[in-house]
Amino acid sequence: MKVIDMHCDTIYEINRIQKEGNNIDLRDNHLNISLKKMQQGDYLLQNFAMFTPLKQVEDPVDHVFHLMDTFYQEIDKNNDLIEVVYSYDDICRNIKNHKMSALLTLEEGAVVRDDLAYLRNYYRLGVRMITLNWNYINGIGYPNFDMNDERHGYHCCDNENGLTDFGIQYVQECERLGIIIDVSHLSDAGFYDVLKYTNQPFVASHSNARAICNHARNLSDDMIQKLAQRGGVMGINFASDFLKENGDISRVSSMVEHIQHIREIAGVDCIGLGTDFDGIPQNLELKDASYMPQLYQALKDAKFSEEDIEKIFYKNVLRVYQNVLKR
């Protein structure tokens, strides 16, 4: 079964390890994601997030540019197996040529210094999806969990603070350019602002169902239904904390439970995969990309049809890319 994964932090990890003076590359490594593991898991496409912990780096723009350089160097070294894609047509070309695809994304949209010229230049450099914020308030909007605010816990949802005025301009410019808007980490109020001020499908690249695991990083039933009505997709996150409250291990059975709930309330067409590999604790039943067939088998055992599993594993996300990625 082909796989599209909407989120991983592998490039951040590779860059960090290389800066420490250690040898590591994308082709074969000890991380959750390597090209060899992706081949074993039958990957069609991997979104590679340029993760920027906004308040933990001296210069966020410099940080993300170095991550992007690492990304392109790794893809260039391995272009016998994988190529960067900028449009739906590029993905189709790679499928025809029996190559995997890499999509460049940002996790932390505020690496633009409150200037849309930076956003347009990120697009020119290949960025095709942006997670609007991480766990910090930024110039775009507010997260559900703010690492700078000790009053907010992981289960505190922000229903008051959404997109800023600049954030509204930002998402509208993303839509004009053909950058997929990602609302994972965004406050509940921000989610509804994206819904209000945009028209195209958007995604929650690595978020689960709050009704199954009451975590602020997950989506409420109403948010899931609104996302589905817009034609968007949410990616099942493999982190144990987002699958089961006080979960000790990230279990496949919990993933199936979330998928069953989402299908029941909103239909199967809004479900995708967003593993968060290399950005989450390693208490995983699905230890890396090569283990994806186990999730396929679990869904088969849960009486999901082959057609529905294809939608969950790659076709739903591919539909969004076809709708949004212009060139």
Protein backbone atom coordinates (compact mmCIF):
# COMPACT_ATOMS: atom_id res chain seq x y z
CA MET A 1 0.00 0.00 0.00
CA LYS A 2 1.46 3.34 -1.08
CA VAL A 3 2.08 5.90 1.68
CA ILE A 4 1.95 9.69 1.85
CA ASP A 5 3.08 11.07 5.21
CA MET A 6 2.23 14.74 5.78
CA HIS A 7 4.75 15.43 8.56
CA CYS A 8 8.15 14.40 9.87
CA ASP A 9 11.03 16.24 11.60
CA THR A 10 13.79 14.16 10.06
CA ILE A 11 15.69 17.02 8.41
CA TYR A 12 15.85 18.88 11.73
CA GLU A 13 17.35 15.78 13.35
CA ILE A 14 19.84 15.20 10.53
CA ASN A 15 20.93 18.85 10.68
CA ARG A 16 21.29 18.73 14.47
CA ILE A 17 23.41 15.57 14.38
CA GLN A 18 25.59 16.90 11.57
CA LYS A 19 26.19 20.15 13.49
CA GLU A 20 27.43 18.04 16.40
CA GLY A 21 30.10 16.68 14.06
CA ASN A 22 28.58 13.24 13.48
CA ASN A 23 28.00 11.54 10.15
CA ILE A 24 24.40 10.88 9.17
CA ASP A 25 22.45 11.04 5.95
CA LEU A 26 18.92 10.54 4.67
CA ARG A 27 19.63 7.38 2.69
CA ASP A 28 20.34 5.04 5.60
CA ASN A 29 20.29 6.01 9.28
CA HIS A 30 19.03 5.10 12.76
CA LEU A 31 16.11 7.55 12.65
CA ASN A 32 12.42 6.79 12.06
CA ILE A 33 12.75 8.01 8.48
CA SER A 34 15.41 7.00 5.97
CA LEU A 35 15.08 6.40 2.26
CA LYS A 36 15.70 2.70 2.75
CA LYS A 37 12.97 2.49 5.40
CA MET A 38 10.64 4.49 3.16
CA GLN A 39 11.24 2.00 0.33
CA GLN A 40 10.42 -0.87 2.69
CA GLY A 41 7.23 0.93 3.75
CA ASP A 42 6.23 1.56 0.09
CA TYR A 43 6.29 5.35 0.38
CA LEU A 44 5.00 7.46 -2.46
CA LEU A 45 5.71 10.86 -0.85
CA GLN A 46 7.13 12.28 2.37
CA ASN A 47 6.55 15.85 3.58
CA PHE A 48 9.77 17.06 5.19
CA ALA A 49 9.11 19.82 7.74
CA MET A 50 11.69 22.50 8.41
CA PHE A 51 10.99 22.68 12.16
CA THR A 52 11.88 25.98 13.83
CA PRO A 53 11.45 26.27 17.63
CA LEU A 54 10.93 30.01 17.35
CA LYS A 55 12.19 31.20 20.75
CA GLN A 56 14.98 28.66 20.99
CA VAL A 57 17.06 29.77 18.02
CA GLU A 58 19.01 33.01 17.70
CA ASP A 59 17.87 33.81 14.17
CA PRO A 60 14.82 31.83 12.96
CA VAL A 61 15.29 32.78 9.31
CA ASP A 62 18.96 31.76 9.36
CA HIS A 63 17.94 28.52 11.07
CA VAL A 64 15.33 27.60 8.48
CA PHE A 65 17.66 28.46 5.59
CA HIS A 66 20.25 26.04 6.93
CA LEU A 67 17.58 23.34 7.29
CA MET A 68 16.48 23.94 3.71
CA ASP A 69 20.08 23.62 2.56
CA THR A 70 20.35 20.28 4.39
CA PHE A 71 17.09 19.16 2.77
CA TYR A 72 18.22 19.98 -0.76
CA GLN A 73 21.70 18.52 -0.25
CA GLU A 74 20.21 15.23 0.98
CA ILE A 75 17.72 15.00 -1.86
CA ASP A 76 20.36 15.90 -4.47
CA LYS A 77 22.68 13.16 -3.14
CA ASN A 78 19.90 10.61 -3.47
CA ASN A 79 18.11 11.64 -6.65
CA ASP A 80 18.23 8.06 -7.88
CA LEU A 81 15.55 7.31 -5.26
CA ILE A 82 13.72 10.57 -4.55
CA GLU A 83 13.10 13.99 -6.08
CA VAL A 84 11.62 17.24 -4.79
CA VAL A 85 8.13 18.04 -6.05
CA TYR A 86 6.50 21.45 -6.46
CA SER A 87 3.21 20.50 -8.13
CA TYR A 88 0.80 17.62 -8.57
CA ASP A 89 2.26 17.03 -12.04
CA ASP A 90 5.70 16.55 -10.48
CA ILE A 91 4.29 13.86 -8.21
CA CYS A 92 2.73 12.09 -11.19
CA ARG A 93 6.06 12.26 -13.04
CA ASN A 94 7.90 10.66 -10.12
CA ILE A 95 5.31 7.89 -9.91
CA LYS A 96 5.80 7.22 -13.60
CA ASN A 97 9.60 7.17 -13.12
CA HIS A 98 9.36 4.88 -10.04
CA LYS A 99 10.81 7.49 -7.70
CA MET A 100 9.64 8.67 -4.30
CA SER A 101 8.70 12.32 -3.83
CA ALA A 102 9.79 14.90 -1.24
CA LEU A 103 7.62 17.92 -0.41
CA LEU A 104 9.24 20.85 1.42
CA THR A 105 7.19 22.27 4.32
CA LEU A 106 7.70 24.73 7.17
CA GLU A 107 6.72 24.03 10.77
CA GLU A 108 6.50 27.55 12.20
CA GLY A 109 5.11 30.05 9.77
CA ALA A 110 6.56 33.08 11.54
CA VAL A 111 9.97 32.69 9.90
CA VAL A 112 8.96 35.64 7.69
CA ARG A 113 9.72 38.60 10.00
CA ASP A 114 6.12 39.78 9.55
CA ASP A 115 6.81 40.42 5.88
CA LEU A 116 4.94 38.65 3.07
CA ALA A 117 7.95 39.11 0.77
CA TYR A 118 9.64 36.34 2.80
CA LEU A 119 6.59 34.12 2.33
CA ARG A 120 6.70 34.62 -1.43
CA ASN A 121 10.41 33.84 -1.48
CA TYR A 122 9.88 30.64 0.52
CA TYR A 123 7.42 29.64 -2.17
CA ARG A 124 10.02 30.37 -4.84
CA LEU A 125 12.45 28.16 -2.89
CA GLY A 126 10.01 25.25 -2.99
CA VAL A 127 7.89 25.48 0.17
CA ARG A 128 4.44 24.05 -0.52
CA MET A 129 2.92 23.60 2.96
CA ILE A 130 3.21 25.71 6.13
CA THR A 131 2.23 24.84 9.69
CA LEU A 132 1.19 28.32 10.82
CA ASN A 133 2.69 28.08 14.28
CA TRP A 134 4.27 25.72 16.77
CA ASN A 135 3.93 26.08 20.54
CA TYR A 136 4.56 29.82 20.67
CA ILE A 137 2.45 32.89 19.97
CA ASN A 138 3.76 34.45 16.79
CA GLY A 139 2.89 37.25 14.39
CA ILE A 140 0.40 35.00 12.59
CA GLY A 141 -1.68 33.64 15.44
CA TYR A 142 -1.93 31.68 18.66
CA PRO A 143 -1.33 28.02 19.51
CA ASN A 144 -3.49 25.96 21.83
CA PHE A 145 -0.42 25.30 23.93
CA ASP A 146 1.93 28.20 24.59
CA MET A 147 5.32 27.20 25.97
CA ASN A 148 5.80 30.73 27.36
CA ASP A 149 2.61 30.69 29.43
CA GLU A 150 2.75 28.50 32.54
CA ARG A 151 -1.02 28.90 33.02
CA HIS A 152 -1.71 26.92 29.85
CA GLY A 153 -1.52 23.16 29.96
CA TYR A 154 -1.72 20.67 27.16
CA HIS A 155 -5.49 20.41 27.63
CA CYS A 156 -6.28 24.13 27.46
CA CYS A 157 -7.87 25.10 24.16
CA ASP A 158 -7.81 28.76 23.15
CA ASN A 159 -11.23 29.74 21.81
CA GLU A 160 -10.57 33.50 21.93
CA ASN A 161 -7.25 34.26 20.22
CA GLY A 162 -7.05 33.34 16.56
CA LEU A 163 -5.28 34.83 13.56
CA THR A 164 -3.82 38.31 13.77
CA ASP A 165 -4.53 40.86 11.04
CA PHE A 166 -1.18 39.89 9.53
CA GLY A 167 -2.13 36.23 9.91
CA ILE A 168 -5.27 36.79 7.82
CA GLN A 169 -3.15 38.39 5.08
CA TYR A 170 -0.69 35.51 5.43
CA VAL A 171 -3.19 32.69 4.88
CA GLN A 172 -4.80 34.52 1.99
CA GLU A 173 -1.40 34.95 0.33
CA CYS A 174 -0.66 31.24 0.93
CA GLU A 175 -3.89 30.44 -0.85
CA ARG A 176 -3.10 32.78 -3.75
CA LEU A 177 0.38 31.26 -4.18
CA GLY A 178 -0.66 27.63 -3.86
CA ILE A 179 0.82 26.87 -0.44
CA ILE A 180 -1.21 24.39 1.63
CA ILE A 181 -2.26 25.87 4.99
CA ASP A 182 -1.64 23.56 7.96
CA VAL A 183 -3.57 24.21 11.19
CA SER A 184 -1.89 21.63 13.44
CA HIS A 185 -0.77 23.45 16.64
CA LEU A 186 -3.08 26.40 15.85
CA SER A 187 -5.62 27.52 18.48
CA ASP A 188 -9.26 26.54 18.10
CA ALA A 189 -10.11 30.18 17.36
CA GLY A 190 -7.37 30.21 14.72
CA PHE A 191 -8.83 27.12 13.07
CA TYR A 192 -12.17 28.86 12.64
CA ASP A 193 -10.43 32.00 11.36
CA VAL A 194 -8.70 29.93 8.65
CA LEU A 195 -12.11 28.51 7.78
CA LYS A 196 -13.57 32.03 7.62
CA TYR A 197 -10.87 33.77 5.63
CA THR A 198 -9.92 31.10 3.07
CA ASN A 199 -11.69 29.09 0.40
CA GLN A 200 -9.36 26.22 -0.57
CA PRO A 201 -8.93 22.88 1.25
CA PHE A 202 -6.47 23.04 4.15
CA VAL A 203 -4.98 20.38 6.41
CA ALA A 204 -4.17 19.49 9.99
CA SER A 205 -1.04 17.61 9.02
CA HIS A 206 -0.40 15.83 12.33
CA SER A 207 -3.45 15.97 14.62
CA ASN A 208 -5.88 13.35 15.95
CA ALA A 209 -9.46 13.28 17.30
CA ARG A 210 -10.06 15.10 20.60
CA ALA A 211 -13.11 12.97 21.36
CA ILE A 212 -10.85 9.91 21.61
CA CYS A 213 -7.89 11.63 23.30
CA ASN A 214 -8.75 14.90 25.03
CA HIS A 215 -5.63 16.80 24.03
CA ALA A 216 -5.54 20.40 22.80
CA ARG A 217 -3.36 19.33 19.86
CA ASN A 218 -6.23 17.21 18.55
CA LEU A 219 -9.33 18.41 16.69
CA SER A 220 -12.86 18.56 18.08
CA ASP A 221 -15.63 16.75 16.25
CA ASP A 222 -16.96 20.04 14.90
CA MET A 223 -13.51 21.02 13.59
CA ILE A 224 -13.13 17.63 11.91
CA GLN A 225 -16.53 17.98 10.27
CA LYS A 226 -15.75 21.51 9.07
CA LEU A 227 -12.37 20.35 7.72
CA ALA A 228 -14.09 17.52 5.85
CA GLN A 229 -16.74 19.87 4.41
CA ARG A 230 -13.93 22.07 3.06
CA GLY A 231 -12.31 19.04 1.40
CA GLY A 232 -9.33 19.05 3.73
CA VAL A 233 -7.45 16.22 5.41
CA MET A 234 -6.08 15.50 8.88
CA GLY A 235 -3.01 13.31 9.35
CA ILE A 236 -3.04 10.70 12.12
CA ASN A 237 -0.21 11.56 14.51
CA PHE A 238 1.71 8.60 15.94
CA ALA A 239 2.71 10.31 19.24
CA SER A 240 1.38 8.38 22.22
CA ASP A 241 0.20 11.55 24.02
CA PHE A 242 -2.07 12.42 21.10
CA LEU A 243 -3.43 8.88 20.69
CA LYS A 244 -4.42 8.05 24.26
CA GLU A 245 -4.48 10.13 27.41
CA ASN A 246 -1.58 9.03 29.61
CA GLY A 247 -0.68 6.55 26.91
CA ASP A 248 2.49 4.63 27.68
CA ILE A 249 3.03 3.33 24.15
CA SER A 250 1.95 4.54 20.73
CA ARG A 251 -0.24 1.60 19.76
CA VAL A 252 -1.64 0.69 16.35
CA SER A 253 -4.98 -0.17 17.97
CA SER A 254 -5.26 3.47 19.17
CA MET A 255 -4.61 4.74 15.65
CA VAL A 256 -7.41 2.52 14.36
CA GLU A 257 -9.73 3.83 17.08
CA HIS A 258 -9.11 7.44 16.00
CA ILE A 259 -9.58 6.55 12.34
CA GLN A 260 -12.85 4.73 13.08
CA HIS A 261 -14.19 7.73 15.02
CA ILE A 262 -13.24 10.24 12.32
CA ARG A 263 -14.84 8.07 9.65
CA GLU A 264 -18.02 7.79 11.71
CA ILE A 265 -18.48 11.53 12.24
CA ALA A 266 -17.05 13.00 9.02
CA GLY A 267 -16.41 10.24 6.50
CA VAL A 268 -13.23 8.59 5.33
CA ASP A 269 -12.28 11.27 2.80
CA CYS A 270 -10.74 13.60 5.42
CA ILE A 271 -8.33 11.03 6.93
CA GLY A 272 -4.63 10.83 6.10
CA LEU A 273 -1.32 10.10 7.81
CA GLY A 274 0.96 12.56 9.59
CA THR A 275 3.30 10.39 11.62
CA ASP A 276 5.41 13.17 13.23
CA PHE A 277 8.30 10.71 12.95
CA ASP A 278 11.61 11.97 14.37
CA GLY A 279 9.74 14.60 16.34
CA ILE A 280 8.00 12.39 18.90
CA PRO A 281 8.99 10.01 21.73
CA GLN A 282 10.22 6.62 20.60
CA ASN A 283 7.71 4.52 22.56
CA LEU A 284 6.33 3.30 19.24
CA GLU A 285 4.82 0.03 18.07
CA LEU A 286 5.35 1.29 14.52
CA LYS A 287 9.01 2.01 15.10
CA ASP A 288 9.81 3.57 11.74
CA ALA A 289 8.66 4.01 8.15
CA SER A 290 9.28 0.37 7.30
CA TYR A 291 6.53 -0.72 9.75
CA MET A 292 3.66 0.93 7.85
CA PRO A 293 2.31 -2.40 6.53
CA GLN A 294 1.31 -3.18 10.12
CA LEU A 295 -1.15 -0.29 10.12
CA TYR A 296 -2.49 -1.48 6.78
CA GLN A 297 -3.10 -4.94 8.22
CA ALA A 298 -4.74 -3.52 11.36
CA LEU A 299 -7.19 -1.56 9.21
CA LYS A 300 -7.90 -4.67 7.14
CA ASP A 301 -8.56 -6.59 10.36
CA ALA A 302 -10.93 -3.79 11.43
CA LYS A 303 -12.95 -4.42 8.24
CA PHE A 304 -11.87 -1.32 6.34
CA SER A 305 -12.20 -1.83 2.61
CA GLU A 306 -9.17 -1.70 0.32
CA GLU A 307 -10.61 1.45 -1.25
CA ASP A 308 -10.91 3.20 2.12
CA ILE A 309 -7.40 2.20 3.17
CA GLU A 310 -6.04 3.59 -0.10
CA LYS A 311 -7.77 6.88 0.67
CA ILE A 312 -6.32 7.00 4.19
CA PHE A 313 -2.81 5.99 3.16
CA TYR A 314 -2.40 8.34 0.20
CA LYS A 315 -5.35 9.17 -2.05
CA ASN A 316 -7.03 11.77 0.19
CA VAL A 317 -3.82 13.76 0.59
CA LEU A 318 -3.07 13.41 -3.11
CA ARG A 319 -6.49 14.92 -3.85
CA VAL A 320 -5.66 17.99 -1.75
CA TYR A 321 -2.31 18.36 -3.53
CA GLN A 322 -4.04 18.16 -6.88
CA ASN A 323 -6.48 20.90 -5.80
CA VAL A 324 -3.99 23.31 -4.20
CA LEU A 325 -0.51 22.86 -5.68
CA LYS A 326 -0.53 24.99 -8.79
CA ARG A 327 2.99 24.76 -10.18
